[in-house]
């Protein structure tokens, strides 16, 4: 399983619209509107790195109101139960 965190900048005022579009993309498992340098943070999962690349390049980056993205491929992690 390949996973990534994608930081997204949108056109001003279009965060909700982009968030809705992200919710319709298979592989996007979580997405949040945030304050700061980026507008949205999304978590993406796919079976392979190639499939992950396809989701990010062909779907997320081509959403009309997305201005830019920064992708961080997850190489190791741990979930904490609290």
N, C-alpha and C. Protein backbone atom coordinates (compact mmCIF):
# COMPACT_ATOMS: atom_id res chain seq x y z
N UNK A 1 0.85 -1.19 0.00
CA UNK A 1 0.00 0.00 0.00
C UNK A 1 0.89 1.24 0.00
N UNK A 2 0.62 2.16 -0.89
CA UNK A 2 1.33 3.43 -0.97
C UNK A 2 0.43 4.53 -0.42
N UNK A 3 1.02 5.45 0.36
CA UNK A 3 0.26 6.53 0.95
C UNK A 3 1.02 7.85 0.81
N UNK A 4 0.26 8.94 0.75
CA UNK A 4 0.89 10.26 0.67
C UNK A 4 0.00 11.28 1.35
N UNK A 5 0.65 12.33 1.82
CA UNK A 5 -0.04 13.52 2.29
C UNK A 5 0.14 14.57 1.20
N UNK A 6 -0.95 15.19 0.78
CA UNK A 6 -0.89 16.20 -0.27
C UNK A 6 -1.37 17.53 0.31
N UNK A 7 -0.50 18.53 0.24
CA UNK A 7 -0.83 19.89 0.68
C UNK A 7 -1.28 20.65 -0.56
N UNK A 8 -2.43 21.31 -0.46
CA UNK A 8 -3.05 21.90 -1.64
C UNK A 8 -3.33 23.39 -1.42
N UNK A 9 -2.98 24.20 -2.41
CA UNK A 9 -3.38 25.61 -2.47
C UNK A 9 -4.49 25.73 -3.50
N UNK A 10 -5.54 26.47 -3.14
CA UNK A 10 -6.67 26.66 -4.04
C UNK A 10 -6.82 28.13 -4.39
N UNK A 11 -7.66 28.41 -5.38
CA UNK A 11 -8.05 29.79 -5.64
C UNK A 11 -8.78 30.31 -4.40
N UNK A 12 -8.66 31.57 -4.12
CA UNK A 12 -9.28 32.17 -2.93
C UNK A 12 -10.79 31.93 -2.95
N UNK A 13 -11.29 31.43 -1.81
CA UNK A 13 -12.72 31.22 -1.66
C UNK A 13 -13.28 29.94 -2.25
N UNK A 14 -12.41 29.07 -2.76
CA UNK A 14 -12.91 27.84 -3.40
C UNK A 14 -12.57 26.58 -2.61
N UNK A 15 -12.17 26.74 -1.36
CA UNK A 15 -11.76 25.60 -0.55
C UNK A 15 -12.87 24.56 -0.41
N UNK A 16 -14.08 24.99 -0.12
CA UNK A 16 -15.21 24.06 0.05
C UNK A 16 -15.48 23.28 -1.23
N UNK A 17 -15.43 23.96 -2.36
CA UNK A 17 -15.67 23.33 -3.66
C UNK A 17 -14.60 22.27 -3.95
N UNK A 18 -13.35 22.61 -3.69
CA UNK A 18 -12.26 21.66 -3.92
C UNK A 18 -12.38 20.49 -2.95
N UNK A 19 -12.73 20.76 -1.70
CA UNK A 19 -12.91 19.70 -0.71
C UNK A 19 -13.99 18.72 -1.17
N UNK A 20 -15.08 19.24 -1.70
CA UNK A 20 -16.16 18.38 -2.20
C UNK A 20 -15.66 17.52 -3.37
N UNK A 21 -14.92 18.11 -4.28
CA UNK A 21 -14.37 17.35 -5.41
C UNK A 21 -13.43 16.27 -4.92
N UNK A 22 -12.58 16.58 -3.94
CA UNK A 22 -11.67 15.59 -3.38
C UNK A 22 -12.43 14.41 -2.79
N UNK A 23 -13.58 14.67 -2.17
CA UNK A 23 -14.36 13.61 -1.55
C UNK A 23 -14.89 12.61 -2.57
N UNK A 24 -14.91 13.00 -3.82
CA UNK A 24 -15.42 12.14 -4.90
C UNK A 24 -14.32 11.36 -5.60
N UNK A 25 -13.06 11.57 -5.22
CA UNK A 25 -11.93 10.90 -5.87
C UNK A 25 -11.58 9.65 -5.08
N UNK A 26 -11.64 8.51 -5.75
CA UNK A 26 -11.27 7.26 -5.10
C UNK A 26 -9.78 7.30 -4.75
N UNK A 27 -9.47 6.93 -3.53
CA UNK A 27 -8.10 6.97 -3.06
C UNK A 27 -7.84 8.10 -2.09
N UNK A 28 -8.66 9.15 -2.16
CA UNK A 28 -8.54 10.23 -1.17
C UNK A 28 -9.33 9.77 0.05
N UNK A 29 -8.61 9.47 1.13
CA UNK A 29 -9.25 8.89 2.31
C UNK A 29 -9.61 9.93 3.36
N UNK A 30 -8.93 11.07 3.35
CA UNK A 30 -9.20 12.15 4.30
C UNK A 30 -8.83 13.47 3.63
N UNK A 31 -9.53 14.53 4.00
CA UNK A 31 -9.16 15.86 3.51
C UNK A 31 -9.73 16.89 4.48
N UNK A 32 -8.94 17.93 4.73
CA UNK A 32 -9.30 18.95 5.71
C UNK A 32 -8.97 20.34 5.17
N UNK A 33 -9.87 21.29 5.39
CA UNK A 33 -9.56 22.69 5.13
C UNK A 33 -8.77 23.17 6.34
N UNK A 34 -7.65 23.84 6.09
CA UNK A 34 -6.77 24.29 7.17
C UNK A 34 -6.39 25.76 6.96
N UNK A 35 -5.93 26.37 8.04
CA UNK A 35 -5.38 27.73 7.96
C UNK A 35 -3.87 27.62 7.91
N UNK A 36 -3.24 28.54 7.21
CA UNK A 36 -1.79 28.54 7.12
C UNK A 36 -1.35 28.70 5.68
N UNK A 37 -0.18 28.19 5.38
CA UNK A 37 0.40 28.33 4.04
C UNK A 37 -0.44 27.59 3.00
N UNK A 38 -1.02 26.45 3.39
CA UNK A 38 -1.84 25.65 2.48
C UNK A 38 -3.30 25.77 2.88
N UNK A 39 -4.19 25.46 1.94
CA UNK A 39 -5.63 25.58 2.17
C UNK A 39 -6.28 24.25 2.53
N UNK A 40 -5.75 23.17 1.98
CA UNK A 40 -6.31 21.84 2.22
C UNK A 40 -5.17 20.85 2.41
N UNK A 41 -5.38 19.91 3.33
CA UNK A 41 -4.46 18.79 3.52
C UNK A 41 -5.26 17.53 3.23
N UNK A 42 -4.74 16.68 2.35
CA UNK A 42 -5.43 15.44 1.98
C UNK A 42 -4.51 14.24 2.16
N UNK A 43 -5.11 13.12 2.54
CA UNK A 43 -4.38 11.86 2.62
C UNK A 43 -4.87 10.98 1.48
N UNK A 44 -3.92 10.39 0.77
CA UNK A 44 -4.24 9.59 -0.41
C UNK A 44 -3.61 8.21 -0.25
N UNK A 45 -4.38 7.17 -0.59
CA UNK A 45 -3.89 5.79 -0.53
C UNK A 45 -4.14 5.11 -1.87
N UNK A 46 -3.21 4.24 -2.25
CA UNK A 46 -3.37 3.44 -3.46
C UNK A 46 -2.59 2.14 -3.29
N UNK A 47 -2.87 1.18 -4.14
CA UNK A 47 -2.20 -0.12 -4.06
C UNK A 47 -0.71 -0.04 -4.38
N UNK A 48 -0.35 0.84 -5.32
CA UNK A 48 1.04 0.96 -5.74
C UNK A 48 1.44 2.44 -5.80
N UNK A 49 2.74 2.67 -5.84
CA UNK A 49 3.23 4.04 -5.98
C UNK A 49 2.80 4.62 -7.32
N UNK A 50 2.77 3.79 -8.35
CA UNK A 50 2.35 4.25 -9.67
C UNK A 50 0.88 4.69 -9.66
N UNK A 51 0.04 3.92 -8.97
CA UNK A 51 -1.38 4.28 -8.85
C UNK A 51 -1.54 5.56 -8.03
N UNK A 52 -0.72 5.72 -7.01
CA UNK A 52 -0.73 6.93 -6.19
C UNK A 52 -0.38 8.14 -7.05
N UNK A 53 0.66 8.00 -7.84
CA UNK A 53 1.09 9.06 -8.76
C UNK A 53 -0.03 9.44 -9.72
N UNK A 54 -0.74 8.45 -10.21
CA UNK A 54 -1.84 8.69 -11.14
C UNK A 54 -2.97 9.50 -10.48
N UNK A 55 -3.33 9.15 -9.26
CA UNK A 55 -4.39 9.88 -8.55
C UNK A 55 -3.98 11.34 -8.35
N UNK A 56 -2.74 11.55 -7.92
CA UNK A 56 -2.28 12.91 -7.63
C UNK A 56 -2.12 13.73 -8.91
N UNK A 57 -1.44 13.16 -9.90
CA UNK A 57 -1.15 13.90 -11.14
C UNK A 57 -2.37 14.08 -12.03
N UNK A 58 -3.16 13.03 -12.19
CA UNK A 58 -4.25 13.08 -13.16
C UNK A 58 -5.58 13.51 -12.59
N UNK A 59 -5.72 13.45 -11.27
CA UNK A 59 -7.01 13.81 -10.69
C UNK A 59 -6.91 15.04 -9.79
N UNK A 60 -6.11 14.97 -8.74
CA UNK A 60 -6.04 16.09 -7.79
C UNK A 60 -5.46 17.34 -8.45
N UNK A 61 -4.34 17.22 -9.12
CA UNK A 61 -3.69 18.41 -9.70
C UNK A 61 -4.48 19.00 -10.86
N UNK A 62 -5.44 18.24 -11.41
CA UNK A 62 -6.23 18.75 -12.53
C UNK A 62 -7.59 19.31 -12.11
N UNK A 63 -7.85 19.35 -10.79
CA UNK A 63 -9.06 20.03 -10.32
C UNK A 63 -8.93 21.50 -10.70
N UNK A 64 -9.91 22.07 -11.41
CA UNK A 64 -9.76 23.44 -11.94
C UNK A 64 -9.33 24.51 -10.94
N UNK A 65 -9.78 24.47 -9.70
CA UNK A 65 -9.48 25.54 -8.75
C UNK A 65 -8.24 25.27 -7.90
N UNK A 66 -7.52 24.17 -8.19
CA UNK A 66 -6.28 23.87 -7.48
C UNK A 66 -5.15 24.66 -8.13
N UNK A 67 -4.46 25.47 -7.32
CA UNK A 67 -3.36 26.30 -7.84
C UNK A 67 -2.03 25.57 -7.78
N UNK A 68 -1.78 24.84 -6.67
CA UNK A 68 -0.53 24.11 -6.54
C UNK A 68 -0.68 23.02 -5.49
N UNK A 69 0.25 22.06 -5.54
CA UNK A 69 0.26 20.98 -4.55
C UNK A 69 1.70 20.70 -4.12
N UNK A 70 1.81 20.11 -2.95
CA UNK A 70 3.09 19.61 -2.46
C UNK A 70 2.79 18.21 -1.92
N UNK A 71 3.46 17.21 -2.47
CA UNK A 71 3.19 15.83 -2.10
C UNK A 71 4.32 15.27 -1.26
N UNK A 72 3.93 14.63 -0.17
CA UNK A 72 4.89 13.95 0.70
C UNK A 72 4.51 12.48 0.75
N UNK A 73 5.33 11.63 0.15
CA UNK A 73 5.09 10.19 0.16
C UNK A 73 5.44 9.65 1.54
N UNK A 74 4.55 8.90 2.12
CA UNK A 74 4.79 8.33 3.44
C UNK A 74 5.65 7.08 3.29
N UNK A 75 6.78 7.03 4.00
CA UNK A 75 7.67 5.88 3.93
C UNK A 75 7.57 4.99 5.16
N UNK A 76 7.15 5.56 6.27
CA UNK A 76 7.02 4.79 7.50
C UNK A 76 6.09 5.56 8.43
N UNK A 77 5.31 4.83 9.20
CA UNK A 77 4.41 5.52 10.12
C UNK A 77 3.86 4.60 11.18
N UNK A 78 3.15 5.19 12.11
CA UNK A 78 2.54 4.44 13.18
C UNK A 78 1.25 5.16 13.56
N UNK A 79 0.18 4.39 13.74
CA UNK A 79 -1.08 4.96 14.21
C UNK A 79 -1.13 4.84 15.72
N UNK A 80 -1.60 5.88 16.36
CA UNK A 80 -1.68 5.91 17.82
C UNK A 80 -3.14 5.83 18.24
N UNK A 81 -3.45 4.97 19.15
CA UNK A 81 -4.82 4.87 19.67
C UNK A 81 -4.90 5.70 20.94
N UNK A 82 -5.80 6.66 20.93
CA UNK A 82 -5.97 7.53 22.11
C UNK A 82 -7.42 7.75 22.36
